Amino acid sequence: MEAVNVSGLKNNPSEALRLAHRDVVVVMNRDKPDALMVGIEATGVLGEKGVRPALATALFRDGHLSLVRASRLAEMSVSQFVSHISRLGIPVVKLDRVEASQDMDTLDQWLASF
C-alpha cells in the first residue's frame, strides 16, 4: 500500500496515478486517511461482462464523457451506444428550449436553401 498527502496529490497527480497502477494508494488529509485510489486496469474489473458499458453510460449520463469517448470506453460503435443509452431513457442530445429553437431555425434555413 502506498500513501500520498493531499498537497502531494495536488502538486503531482501523475505520481499518485503511477502509484495507483501498482498498488492501492491512501490519500491522507493531514494525518487522517481521506480517500483511496485504485488503478482500475490493475483490478481487472474492466474485463468483467457489462462493466465497460455501465461505466461509459454513467459517465456519459453525468456529462463527464462525450458520446464518442463513451462509445469507445463501452467498446461499441457510436450507433450501438446511441441505441444502448436510448433504451435506458438517457437523452443523446441535451438542449434547452432556446437551443432547440435555434437548431430548428437553422434547419428551416437550410431546408429553404434547396
PDB file of N, CA and C in Angstrom:
ATOM      1  N   MET A   1       0.846  -1.170   0.000  1.00  0.00           N
ATOM      2  CA  MET A   1       0.000   0.000   0.000  1.00  0.00           C
ATOM      3  C   MET A   1       0.895   1.238   0.000  1.00  0.00           C
ATOM      4  N   GLU A   2       0.452   2.224  -0.735  1.00  0.00           N
ATOM      5  CA  GLU A   2       1.186   3.491  -0.818  1.00  0.00           C
ATOM      6  C   GLU A   2       0.354   4.587  -0.170  1.00  0.00           C
ATOM      7  N   ALA A   3       0.986   5.711   0.121  1.00  0.00           N
ATOM      8  CA  ALA A   3       0.267   6.848   0.695  1.00  0.00           C
ATOM      9  C   ALA A   3       0.785   8.134   0.073  1.00  0.00           C
ATOM     10  N   VAL A   4      -0.131   9.044  -0.183  1.00  0.00           N
ATOM     11  CA  VAL A   4       0.216  10.399  -0.619  1.00  0.00           C
ATOM     12  C   VAL A   4      -0.632  11.359   0.195  1.00  0.00           C
ATOM     13  N   ASN A   5      -0.106  12.556   0.399  1.00  0.00           N
ATOM     14  CA  ASN A   5      -0.931  13.543   1.084  1.00  0.00           C
ATOM     15  C   ASN A   5      -1.649  14.414   0.052  1.00  0.00           C
ATOM     16  N   VAL A   6      -2.639  15.141   0.496  1.00  0.00           N
ATOM     17  CA  VAL A   6      -3.461  15.943  -0.410  1.00  0.00           C
ATOM     18  C   VAL A   6      -2.609  16.933  -1.193  1.00  0.00           C
ATOM     19  N   SER A   7      -1.655  17.576  -0.531  1.00  0.00           N
ATOM     20  CA  SER A   7      -0.831  18.561  -1.244  1.00  0.00           C
ATOM     21  C   SER A   7       0.036  17.864  -2.292  1.00  0.00           C
ATOM     22  N   GLY A   8       0.536  16.665  -1.988  1.00  0.00           N
ATOM     23  CA  GLY A   8       1.300  15.918  -2.991  1.00  0.00           C
ATOM     24  C   GLY A   8       0.433  15.503  -4.157  1.00  0.00           C
ATOM     25  N   LEU A   9      -0.814  15.174  -3.878  1.00  0.00           N
ATOM     26  CA  LEU A   9      -1.750  14.809  -4.943  1.00  0.00           C
ATOM     27  C   LEU A   9      -2.031  16.009  -5.836  1.00  0.00           C
ATOM     28  N   LYS A  10      -2.182  17.175  -5.219  1.00  0.00           N
ATOM     29  CA  LYS A  10      -2.450  18.391  -5.986  1.00  0.00           C
ATOM     30  C   LYS A  10      -1.232  18.805  -6.803  1.00  0.00           C
ATOM     31  N   ASN A  11      -0.044  18.705  -6.218  1.00  0.00           N
ATOM     32  CA  ASN A  11       1.172  19.130  -6.898  1.00  0.00           C
ATOM     33  C   ASN A  11       1.655  18.156  -7.955  1.00  0.00           C
ATOM     34  N   ASN A  12       1.416  16.862  -7.759  1.00  0.00           N
ATOM     35  CA  ASN A  12       1.927  15.869  -8.697  1.00  0.00           C
ATOM     36  C   ASN A  12       0.934  14.699  -8.827  1.00  0.00           C
ATOM     37  N   PRO A  13      -0.226  14.945  -9.467  1.00  0.00           N
ATOM     38  CA  PRO A  13      -1.217  13.880  -9.594  1.00  0.00           C
ATOM     39  C   PRO A  13      -0.717  12.705 -10.426  1.00  0.00           C
ATOM     40  N   SER A  14       0.201  12.948 -11.353  1.00  0.00           N
ATOM     41  CA  SER A  14       0.734  11.866 -12.185  1.00  0.00           C
ATOM     42  C   SER A  14       1.442  10.814 -11.348  1.00  0.00           C
ATOM     43  N   GLU A  15       2.171  11.251 -10.345  1.00  0.00           N
ATOM     44  CA  GLU A  15       2.877  10.310  -9.477  1.00  0.00           C
ATOM     45  C   GLU A  15       1.883   9.442  -8.711  1.00  0.00           C
ATOM     46  N   ALA A  16       0.827  10.052  -8.195  1.00  0.00           N
ATOM     47  CA  ALA A  16      -0.189   9.278  -7.470  1.00  0.00           C
ATOM     48  C   ALA A  16      -0.853   8.262  -8.393  1.00  0.00           C
ATOM     49  N   LEU A  17      -1.104   8.654  -9.640  1.00  0.00           N
ATOM     50  CA  LEU A  17      -1.692   7.712 -10.594  1.00  0.00           C
ATOM     51  C   LEU A  17      -0.745   6.563 -10.904  1.00  0.00           C
ATOM     52  N   ARG A  18       0.524   6.869 -11.068  1.00  0.00           N
ATOM     53  CA  ARG A  18       1.520   5.808 -11.302  1.00  0.00           C
ATOM     54  C   ARG A  18       1.535   4.822 -10.134  1.00  0.00           C
ATOM     55  N   LEU A  19       1.502   5.363  -8.926  1.00  0.00           N
ATOM     56  CA  LEU A  19       1.475   4.506  -7.744  1.00  0.00           C
ATOM     57  C   LEU A  19       0.207   3.648  -7.713  1.00  0.00           C
ATOM     58  N   ALA A  20      -0.928   4.245  -8.088  1.00  0.00           N
ATOM     59  CA  ALA A  20      -2.203   3.528  -8.065  1.00  0.00           C
ATOM     60  C   ALA A  20      -2.248   2.408  -9.096  1.00  0.00           C
ATOM     61  N   HIS A  21      -1.447   2.510 -10.141  1.00  0.00           N
ATOM     62  CA  HIS A  21      -1.390   1.428 -11.129  1.00  0.00           C
ATOM     63  C   HIS A  21      -0.703   0.197 -10.554  1.00  0.00           C
ATOM     64  N   ARG A  22       0.127   0.399  -9.537  1.00  0.00           N
ATOM     65  CA  ARG A  22       0.865  -0.714  -8.933  1.00  0.00           C
ATOM     66  C   ARG A  22       0.209  -1.248  -7.672  1.00  0.00           C
ATOM     67  N   ASP A  23      -0.433  -0.354  -6.907  1.00  0.00           N
ATOM     68  CA  ASP A  23      -0.961  -0.761  -5.609  1.00  0.00           C
ATOM     69  C   ASP A  23      -2.043   0.234  -5.180  1.00  0.00           C
ATOM     70  N   VAL A  24      -2.719  -0.077  -4.109  1.00  0.00           N
ATOM     71  CA  VAL A  24      -3.714   0.833  -3.541  1.00  0.00           C
ATOM     72  C   VAL A  24      -2.981   2.035  -2.947  1.00  0.00           C
ATOM     73  N   VAL A  25      -3.521   3.225  -3.183  1.00  0.00           N
ATOM     74  CA  VAL A  25      -2.933   4.451  -2.649  1.00  0.00           C
ATOM     75  C   VAL A  25      -3.928   5.081  -1.681  1.00  0.00           C
ATOM     76  N   VAL A  26      -3.469   5.355  -0.486  1.00  0.00           N
ATOM     77  CA  VAL A  26      -4.283   6.053   0.503  1.00  0.00           C
ATOM     78  C   VAL A  26      -3.935   7.534   0.411  1.00  0.00           C
ATOM     79  N   VAL A  27      -4.955   8.359   0.231  1.00  0.00           N
ATOM     80  CA  VAL A  27      -4.754   9.808   0.200  1.00  0.00           C
ATOM     81  C   VAL A  27      -4.998  10.319   1.614  1.00  0.00           C
ATOM     82  N   MET A  28      -3.966  10.928   2.166  1.00  0.00           N
ATOM     83  CA  MET A  28      -4.028  11.422   3.539  1.00  0.00           C
ATOM     84  C   MET A  28      -4.337  12.922   3.539  1.00  0.00           C
ATOM     85  N   ASN A  29      -5.262  13.311   4.393  1.00  0.00           N
ATOM     86  CA  ASN A  29      -5.581  14.725   4.594  1.00  0.00           C
ATOM     87  C   ASN A  29      -5.176  15.045   6.026  1.00  0.00           C
ATOM     88  N   ARG A  30      -4.105  15.780   6.148  1.00  0.00           N
ATOM     89  CA  ARG A  30      -3.406  15.977   7.408  1.00  0.00           C
ATOM     90  C   ARG A  30      -2.944  14.605   7.890  1.00  0.00           C
ATOM     91  N   ASP A  31      -3.401  14.147   9.009  1.00  0.00           N
ATOM     92  CA  ASP A  31      -2.959  12.833   9.492  1.00  0.00           C
ATOM     93  C   ASP A  31      -4.053  11.780   9.405  1.00  0.00           C
ATOM     94  N   LYS A  32      -5.090  12.066   8.615  1.00  0.00           N
ATOM     95  CA  LYS A  32      -6.204  11.137   8.525  1.00  0.00           C
ATOM     96  C   LYS A  32      -6.363  10.622   7.101  1.00  0.00           C
ATOM     97  N   PRO A  33      -6.630   9.329   6.955  1.00  0.00           N
ATOM     98  CA  PRO A  33      -6.916   8.808   5.609  1.00  0.00           C
ATOM     99  C   PRO A  33      -8.225   9.411   5.099  1.00  0.00           C
ATOM    100  N   ASP A  34      -8.199   9.892   3.850  1.00  0.00           N
ATOM    101  CA  ASP A  34      -9.352  10.604   3.301  1.00  0.00           C
ATOM    102  C   ASP A  34      -9.966   9.893   2.095  1.00  0.00           C
ATOM    103  N   ALA A  35      -9.139   9.209   1.306  1.00  0.00           N
ATOM    104  CA  ALA A  35      -9.644   8.565   0.094  1.00  0.00           C
ATOM    105  C   ALA A  35      -8.705   7.444  -0.313  1.00  0.00           C
ATOM    106  N   LEU A  36      -9.217   6.590  -1.163  1.00  0.00           N
ATOM    107  CA  LEU A  36      -8.403   5.524  -1.745  1.00  0.00           C
ATOM    108  C   LEU A  36      -8.351   5.704  -3.244  1.00  0.00           C
ATOM    109  N   MET A  37      -7.200   5.419  -3.817  1.00  0.00           N
ATOM    110  CA  MET A  37      -7.051   5.399  -5.270  1.00  0.00           C
ATOM    111  C   MET A  37      -6.644   3.984  -5.661  1.00  0.00           C
ATOM    112  N   VAL A  38      -7.369   3.443  -6.635  1.00  0.00           N
ATOM    113  CA  VAL A  38      -7.072   2.093  -7.100  1.00  0.00           C
ATOM    114  C   VAL A  38      -6.988   2.149  -8.614  1.00  0.00           C
ATOM    115  N   GLY A  39      -5.923   1.613  -9.173  1.00  0.00           N
ATOM    116  CA  GLY A  39      -5.788   1.559 -10.624  1.00  0.00           C
ATOM    117  C   GLY A  39      -6.822   0.607 -11.193  1.00  0.00           C
ATOM    118  N   ILE A  40      -7.729   1.114 -11.965  1.00  0.00           N
ATOM    119  CA  ILE A  40      -8.856   0.317 -12.456  1.00  0.00           C
ATOM    120  C   ILE A  40      -8.401  -0.803 -13.389  1.00  0.00           C
ATOM    121  N   GLU A  41      -7.369  -0.558 -14.165  1.00  0.00           N
ATOM    122  CA  GLU A  41      -6.855  -1.602 -15.052  1.00  0.00           C
ATOM    123  C   GLU A  41      -6.254  -2.756 -14.249  1.00  0.00           C
ATOM    124  N   ALA A  42      -5.574  -2.425 -13.171  1.00  0.00           N
ATOM    125  CA  ALA A  42      -4.907  -3.447 -12.365  1.00  0.00           C
ATOM    126  C   ALA A  42      -5.896  -4.379 -11.676  1.00  0.00           C
ATOM    127  N   THR A  43      -7.101  -3.892 -11.401  1.00  0.00           N
ATOM    128  CA  THR A  43      -8.091  -4.719 -10.722  1.00  0.00           C
ATOM    129  C   THR A  43      -8.707  -5.761 -11.651  1.00  0.00           C
ATOM    130  N   GLY A  44      -8.627  -5.499 -12.952  1.00  0.00           N
ATOM    131  CA  GLY A  44      -9.244  -6.408 -13.915  1.00  0.00           C
ATOM    132  C   GLY A  44     -10.740  -6.236 -14.025  1.00  0.00           C
ATOM    133  N   VAL A  45     -11.292  -5.279 -13.307  1.00  0.00           N
ATOM    134  CA  VAL A  45     -12.745  -5.099 -13.282  1.00  0.00           C
ATOM    135  C   VAL A  45     -13.302  -4.693 -14.651  1.00  0.00           C
ATOM    136  N   LEU A  46     -12.507  -3.990 -15.455  1.00  0.00           N
ATOM    137  CA  LEU A  46     -13.000  -3.570 -16.772  1.00  0.00           C
ATOM    138  C   LEU A  46     -13.221  -4.753 -17.710  1.00  0.00           C
ATOM    139  N   GLY A  47     -12.596  -5.866 -17.412  1.00  0.00           N
ATOM    140  CA  GLY A  47     -12.773  -7.050 -18.247  1.00  0.00           C
ATOM    141  C   GLY A  47     -14.027  -7.844 -17.928  1.00  0.00           C
ATOM    142  N   GLU A  48     -14.668  -7.529 -16.808  1.00  0.00           N
ATOM    143  CA  GLU A  48     -15.891  -8.236 -16.434  1.00  0.00           C
ATOM    144  C   GLU A  48     -17.041  -7.821 -17.348  1.00  0.00           C
ATOM    145  N   LYS A  49     -17.901  -8.766 -17.638  1.00  0.00           N
ATOM    146  CA  LYS A  49     -19.017  -8.526 -18.553  1.00  0.00           C
ATOM    147  C   LYS A  49     -19.910  -7.390 -18.054  1.00  0.00           C
ATOM    148  N   GLY A  50     -20.165  -6.430 -18.940  1.00  0.00           N
ATOM    149  CA  GLY A  50     -21.082  -5.338 -18.660  1.00  0.00           C
ATOM    150  C   GLY A  50     -20.495  -4.149 -17.940  1.00  0.00           C
ATOM    151  N   VAL A  51     -19.266  -4.270 -17.450  1.00  0.00           N
ATOM    152  CA  VAL A  51     -18.688  -3.166 -16.674  1.00  0.00           C
ATOM    153  C   VAL A  51     -18.376  -1.960 -17.564  1.00  0.00           C
ATOM    154  N   ARG A  52     -17.750  -2.199 -18.706  1.00  0.00           N
ATOM    155  CA  ARG A  52     -17.407  -1.076 -19.597  1.00  0.00           C
ATOM    156  C   ARG A  52     -18.654  -0.312 -20.049  1.00  0.00           C
ATOM    157  N   PRO A  53     -19.699  -1.000 -20.555  1.00  0.00           N
ATOM    158  CA  PRO A  53     -20.896  -0.254 -20.947  1.00  0.00           C
ATOM    159  C   PRO A  53     -21.543   0.494 -19.776  1.00  0.00           C
ATOM    160  N   ALA A  54     -21.567  -0.126 -18.593  1.00  0.00           N
ATOM    161  CA  ALA A  54     -22.178   0.528 -17.435  1.00  0.00           C
ATOM    162  C   ALA A  54     -21.390   1.776 -17.030  1.00  0.00           C
ATOM    163  N   LEU A  55     -20.073   1.667 -17.016  1.00  0.00           N
ATOM    164  CA  LEU A  55     -19.232   2.810 -16.657  1.00  0.00           C
ATOM    165  C   LEU A  55     -19.368   3.915 -17.699  1.00  0.00           C
ATOM    166  N   ALA A  56     -19.321   3.548 -18.965  1.00  0.00           N
ATOM    167  CA  ALA A  56     -19.455   4.531 -20.044  1.00  0.00           C
ATOM    168  C   ALA A  56     -20.815   5.220 -19.985  1.00  0.00           C
ATOM    169  N   THR A  57     -21.849   4.455 -19.720  1.00  0.00           N
ATOM    170  CA  THR A  57     -23.203   5.016 -19.636  1.00  0.00           C
ATOM    171  C   THR A  57     -23.301   6.034 -18.509  1.00  0.00           C
ATOM    172  N   ALA A  58     -22.805   5.684 -17.341  1.00  0.00           N
ATOM    173  CA  ALA A  58     -22.867   6.596 -16.196  1.00  0.00           C
ATOM    174  C   ALA A  58     -22.050   7.864 -16.447  1.00  0.00           C
ATOM    175  N   LEU A  59     -20.864   7.701 -17.015  1.00  0.00           N
ATOM    176  CA  LEU A  59     -20.017   8.873 -17.279  1.00  0.00           C
ATOM    177  C   LEU A  59     -20.624   9.772 -18.351  1.00  0.00           C
ATOM    178  N   PHE A  60     -21.255   9.180 -19.369  1.00  0.00           N
ATOM    179  CA  PHE A  60     -21.930   9.987 -20.395  1.00  0.00           C
ATOM    180  C   PHE A  60     -23.150  10.689 -19.803  1.00  0.00           C
ATOM    181  N   ARG A  61     -23.981   9.940 -19.089  1.00  0.00           N
ATOM    182  CA  ARG A  61     -25.199  10.491 -18.488  1.00  0.00           C
ATOM    183  C   ARG A  61     -24.885  11.694 -17.599  1.00  0.00           C
ATOM    184  N   ASP A  62     -23.799  11.611 -16.850  1.00  0.00           N
ATOM    185  CA  ASP A  62     -23.445  12.682 -15.917  1.00  0.00           C
ATOM    186  C   ASP A  62     -22.622  13.788 -16.563  1.00  0.00           C
ATOM    187  N   GLY A  63     -22.378  13.679 -17.869  1.00  0.00           N
ATOM    188  CA  GLY A  63     -21.692  14.747 -18.598  1.00  0.00           C
ATOM    189  C   GLY A  63     -20.177  14.727 -18.492  1.00  0.00           C
ATOM    190  N   HIS A  64     -19.599  13.606 -18.075  1.00  0.00           N
ATOM    191  CA  HIS A  64     -18.148  13.529 -17.923  1.00  0.00           C
ATOM    192  C   HIS A  64     -17.444  13.015 -19.175  1.00  0.00           C
ATOM    193  N   LEU A  65     -18.185  12.351 -20.065  1.00  0.00           N
ATOM    194  CA  LEU A  65     -17.614  11.860 -21.319  1.00  0.00           C
ATOM    195  C   LEU A  65     -18.502  12.259 -22.475  1.00  0.00           C
ATOM    196  N   SER A  66     -17.874  12.570 -23.600  1.00  0.00           N
ATOM    197  CA  SER A  66     -18.637  12.834 -24.816  1.00  0.00           C
ATOM    198  C   SER A  66     -19.230  11.530 -25.331  1.00  0.00           C
ATOM    199  N   LEU A  67     -20.126  11.633 -26.272  1.00  0.00           N
ATOM    200  CA  LEU A  67     -20.749  10.452 -26.864  1.00  0.00           C
ATOM    201  C   LEU A  67     -19.703   9.535 -27.489  1.00  0.00           C
ATOM    202  N   VAL A  68     -18.774  10.111 -28.231  1.00  0.00           N
ATOM    203  CA  VAL A  68     -17.752   9.305 -28.914  1.00  0.00           C
ATOM    204  C   VAL A  68     -16.826   8.630 -27.896  1.00  0.00           C
ATOM    205  N   ARG A  69     -16.376   9.378 -26.912  1.00  0.00           N
ATOM    206  CA  ARG A  69     -15.479   8.774 -25.909  1.00  0.00           C
ATOM    207  C   ARG A  69     -16.191   7.693 -25.101  1.00  0.00           C
ATOM    208  N   ALA A  70     -17.450   7.921 -24.787  1.00  0.00           N
ATOM    209  CA  ALA A  70     -18.217   6.918 -24.048  1.00  0.00           C
ATOM    210  C   ALA A  70     -18.396   5.657 -24.889  1.00  0.00           C
ATOM    211  N   SER A  71     -18.652   5.820 -26.181  1.00  0.00           N
ATOM    212  CA  SER A  71     -18.817   4.635 -27.039  1.00  0.00           C
ATOM    213  C   SER A  71     -17.506   3.857 -27.131  1.00  0.00           C
ATOM    214  N   ARG A  72     -16.385   4.560 -27.145  1.00  0.00           N
ATOM    215  CA  ARG A  72     -15.078   3.875 -27.164  1.00  0.00           C
ATOM    216  C   ARG A  72     -14.849   3.101 -25.870  1.00  0.00           C
ATOM    217  N   LEU A  73     -15.161   3.743 -24.728  1.00  0.00           N
ATOM    218  CA  LEU A  73     -14.999   3.073 -23.448  1.00  0.00           C
ATOM    219  C   LEU A  73     -15.886   1.830 -23.385  1.00  0.00           C
ATOM    220  N   ALA A  74     -17.095   1.941 -23.905  1.00  0.00           N
ATOM    221  CA  ALA A  74     -18.034   0.817 -23.890  1.00  0.00           C
ATOM    222  C   ALA A  74     -17.670  -0.245 -24.925  1.00  0.00           C
ATOM    223  N   GLU A  75     -16.698   0.071 -25.777  1.00  0.00           N
ATOM    224  CA  GLU A  75     -16.296  -0.812 -26.880  1.00  0.00           C
ATOM    225  C   GLU A  75     -17.475  -1.118 -27.788  1.00  0.00           C
ATOM    226  N   MET A  76     -18.208  -0.036 -28.133  1.00  0.00           N
ATOM    227  CA  MET A  76     -19.339  -0.110 -29.055  1.00  0.00           C
ATOM    228  C   MET A  76     -19.141   0.944 -30.130  1.00  0.00           C
ATOM    229  N   SER A  77     -19.779   0.729 -31.274  1.00  0.00           N
ATOM    230  CA  SER A  77     -19.806   1.804 -32.259  1.00  0.00           C
ATOM    231  C   SER A  77     -20.689   2.911 -31.702  1.00  0.00           C
ATOM    232  N   VAL A  78     -20.582   4.095 -32.273  1.00  0.00           N
ATOM    233  CA  VAL A  78     -21.396   5.208 -31.795  1.00  0.00           C
ATOM    234  C   VAL A  78     -22.880   4.870 -31.945  1.00  0.00           C
ATOM    235  N   SER A  79     -23.260   4.290 -33.080  1.00  0.00           N
ATOM    236  CA  SER A  79     -24.677   3.968 -33.283  1.00  0.00           C
ATOM    237  C   SER A  79     -25.156   2.912 -32.281  1.00  0.00           C
ATOM    238  N   GLN A  80     -24.317   1.936 -31.958  1.00  0.00           N
ATOM    239  CA  GLN A  80     -24.693   0.938 -30.949  1.00  0.00           C
ATOM    240  C   GLN A  80     -24.860   1.601 -29.581  1.00  0.00           C
ATOM    241  N   PHE A  81     -23.945   2.518 -29.255  1.00  0.00           N
ATOM    242  CA  PHE A  81     -24.016   3.184 -27.954  1.00  0.00           C
ATOM    243  C   PHE A  81     -25.247   4.087 -27.877  1.00  0.00           C
ATOM    244  N   VAL A  82     -25.562   4.770 -28.980  1.00  0.00           N
ATOM    245  CA  VAL A  82     -26.768   5.605 -29.020  1.00  0.00           C
ATOM    246  C   VAL A  82     -28.006   4.741 -28.771  1.00  0.00           C
ATOM    247  N   SER A  83     -28.078   3.596 -29.416  1.00  0.00           N
ATOM    248  CA  SER A  83     -29.207   2.682 -29.195  1.00  0.00           C
ATOM    249  C   SER A  83     -29.263   2.229 -27.744  1.00  0.00           C
ATOM    250  N   HIS A  84     -28.097   1.906 -27.201  1.00  0.00           N
ATOM    251  CA  HIS A  84     -27.997   1.438 -25.814  1.00  0.00           C
ATOM    252  C   HIS A  84     -28.527   2.486 -24.839  1.00  0.00           C
ATOM    253  N   ILE A  85     -28.046   3.723 -24.936  1.00  0.00           N
ATOM    254  CA  ILE A  85     -28.480   4.742 -23.970  1.00  0.00           C
ATOM    255  C   ILE A  85     -29.922   5.166 -24.225  1.00  0.00           C
ATOM    256  N   SER A  86     -30.358   5.105 -25.474  1.00  0.00           N
ATOM    257  CA  SER A  86     -31.756   5.440 -25.772  1.00  0.00           C
ATOM    258  C   SER A  86     -32.693   4.442 -25.114  1.00  0.00           C
ATOM    259  N   ARG A  87     -32.328   3.151 -25.153  1.00  0.00           N
ATOM    260  CA  ARG A  87     -33.148   2.129 -24.491  1.00  0.00           C
ATOM    261  C   ARG A  87     -33.249   2.386 -22.988  1.00  0.00           C
ATOM    262  N   LEU A  88     -32.216   3.018 -22.430  1.00  0.00           N
ATOM    263  CA  LEU A  88     -32.208   3.320 -20.998  1.00  0.00           C
ATOM    264  C   LEU A  88     -32.892   4.653 -20.665  1.00  0.00           C
ATOM    265  N   GLY A  89     -33.375   5.339 -21.695  1.00  0.00           N
ATOM    266  CA  GLY A  89     -34.058   6.615 -21.474  1.00  0.00           C
ATOM    267  C   GLY A  89     -33.123   7.785 -21.248  1.00  0.00           C
ATOM    268  N   ILE A  90     -31.875   7.638 -21.645  1.00  0.00           N
ATOM    269  CA  ILE A  90     -30.894   8.716 -21.492  1.00  0.00           C
ATOM    270  C   ILE A  90     -30.849   9.501 -22.795  1.00  0.00           C
ATOM    271  N   PRO A  91     -31.102  10.804 -22.750  1.00  0.00           N
ATOM    272  CA  PRO A  91     -31.095  11.583 -23.997  1.00  0.00           C
ATOM    273  C   PRO A  91     -29.691  11.659 -24.602  1.00  0.00           C
ATOM    274  N   VAL A  92     -29.649  11.516 -25.910  1.00  0.00           N
ATOM    275  CA  VAL A  92     -28.375  11.598 -26.626  1.00  0.00           C
ATOM    276  C   VAL A  92     -27.945  13.053 -26.740  1.00  0.00           C
ATOM    277  N   VAL A  93     -28.912  13.926 -26.987  1.00  0.00           N
ATOM    278  CA  VAL A  93     -28.657  15.359 -27.128  1.00  0.00           C
ATOM    279  C   VAL A  93     -29.444  16.071 -26.044  1.00  0.00           C
ATOM    280  N   LYS A  94     -28.766  16.935 -25.337  1.00  0.00           N
ATOM    281  CA  LYS A  94     -29.420  17.697 -24.271  1.00  0.00           C
ATOM    282  C   LYS A  94     -29.460  19.165 -24.667  1.00  0.00           C
ATOM    283  N   LEU A  95     -30.629  19.609 -25.045  1.00  0.00           N
ATOM    284  CA  LEU A  95     -30.806  21.005 -25.431  1.00  0.00           C
ATOM    285  C   LEU A  95     -31.891  21.631 -24.574  1.00  0.00           C
ATOM    286  N   ASP A  96     -31.707  22.909 -24.237  1.00  0.00           N
ATOM    287  CA  ASP A  96     -32.804  23.609 -23.588  1.00  0.00           C
ATOM    288  C   ASP A  96     -33.723  24.166 -24.675  1.00  0.00           C
ATOM    289  N   ARG A  97     -34.785  24.806 -24.271  1.00  0.00           N
ATOM    290  CA  ARG A  97     -35.791  25.303 -25.215  1.00  0.00           C
ATOM    291  C   ARG A  97     -35.183  26.278 -26.232  1.00  0.00           C
ATOM    292  N   VAL A  98     -34.328  27.178 -25.780  1.00  0.00           N
ATOM    293  CA  VAL A  98     -33.719  28.179 -26.670  1.00  0.00           C
ATOM    294  C   VAL A  98     -32.809  27.501 -27.695  1.00  0.00           C
ATOM    295  N   GLU A  99     -31.964  26.578 -27.242  1.00  0.00           N
ATOM    296  CA  GLU A  99     -31.063  25.874 -28.163  1.00  0.00           C
ATOM    297  C   GLU A  99     -31.840  25.045 -29.178  1.00  0.00           C
ATOM    298  N   ALA A 100     -32.899  24.395 -28.740  1.00  0.00           N
ATOM    299  CA  ALA A 100     -33.718  23.600 -29.660  1.00  0.00           C
ATOM    300  C   ALA A 100     -34.374  24.501 -30.699  1.00  0.00           C
ATOM    301  N   SER A 101     -34.852  25.657 -30.265  1.00  0.00           N
ATOM    302  CA  SER A 101     -35.470  26.609 -31.192  1.00  0.00           C
ATOM    303  C   SER A 101     -34.456  27.126 -32.210  1.00  0.00           C
ATOM    304  N   GLN A 102     -33.246  27.422 -31.749  1.00  0.00           N
ATOM    305  CA  GLN A 102     -32.195  27.881 -32.660  1.00  0.00           C
ATOM    306  C   GLN A 102     -31.839  26.796 -33.671  1.00  0.00           C
ATOM    307  N   ASP A 103     -31.757  25.558 -33.212  1.00  0.00           N
ATOM    308  CA  ASP A 103     -31.469  24.451 -34.126  1.00  0.00           C
ATOM    309  C   ASP A 103     -32.571  24.286 -35.160  1.00  0.00           C
ATOM    310  N   MET A 104     -33.812  24.432 -34.744  1.00  0.00           N
ATOM    311  CA  MET A 104     -34.931  24.326 -35.692  1.00  0.00           C
ATOM    312  C   MET A 104     -34.890  25.466 -36.705  1.00  0.00           C
ATOM    313  N   ASP A 105     -34.547  26.681 -36.269  1.00  0.00           N
ATOM    314  CA  ASP A 105     -34.416  27.811 -37.191  1.00  0.00           C
ATOM    315  C   ASP A 105     -33.316  27.544 -38.208  1.00  0.00           C
ATOM    316  N   THR A 106     -32.202  27.024 -37.748  1.00  0.00           N
ATOM    317  CA  THR A 106     -31.094  26.688 -38.646  1.00  0.00           C
ATOM    318  C   THR A 106     -31.525  25.625 -39.647  1.00  0.00           C
ATOM    319  N   LEU A 107     -32.239  24.622 -39.186  1.00  0.00           N
ATOM    320  CA  LEU A 107     -32.731  23.579 -40.080  1.00  0.00           C
ATOM    321  C   LEU A 107     -33.698  24.164 -41.115  1.00  0.00           C
ATOM    322  N   ASP A 108     -34.602  25.025 -40.671  1.00  0.00           N
ATOM    323  CA  ASP A 108     -35.545  25.664 -41.600  1.00  0.00           C
ATOM    324  C   ASP A 108     -34.799  26.470 -42.664  1.00  0.00           C
ATOM    325  N   GLN A 109     -33.758  27.204 -42.271  1.00  0.00           N
ATOM    326  CA  GLN A 109     -32.983  27.993 -43.232  1.00  0.00           C
ATOM    327  C   GLN A 109     -32.260  27.061 -44.218  1.00  0.00           C
ATOM    328  N   TRP A 110     -31.728  25.987 -43.704  1.00  0.00           N
ATOM    329  CA  TRP A 110     -31.018  25.046 -44.577  1.00  0.00           C
ATOM    330  C   TRP A 110     -31.976  24.404 -45.558  1.00  0.00           C
ATOM    331  N   LEU A 111     -33.140  23.997 -45.095  1.00  0.00           N
ATOM    332  CA  LEU A 111     -34.132  23.373 -45.984  1.00  0.00           C
ATOM    333  C   LEU A 111     -34.652  24.351 -47.030  1.00  0.00           C
ATOM    334  N   ALA A 112     -34.767  25.626 -46.648  1.00  0.00           N
ATOM    335  CA  ALA A 112     -35.230  26.653 -47.573  1.00  0.00           C
ATOM    336  C   ALA A 112     -34.227  26.925 -48.682  1.00  0.00           C
ATOM    337  N   SER A 113     -32.979  26.556 -48.469  1.00  0.00           N
ATOM    338  CA  SER A 113     -31.940  26.819 -49.478  1.00  0.00           C
ATOM    339  C   SER A 113     -31.998  25.836 -50.638  1.00  0.00           C
ATOM    340  N   PHE A 114     -32.837  24.822 -50.577  1.00  0.00           N
ATOM    341  CA  PHE A 114     -32.938  23.836 -51.677  1.00  0.00           C
ATOM    342  C   PHE A 114     -34.002  24.195 -52.648  1.00  0.00           C
TER     343      PHE A 114
END
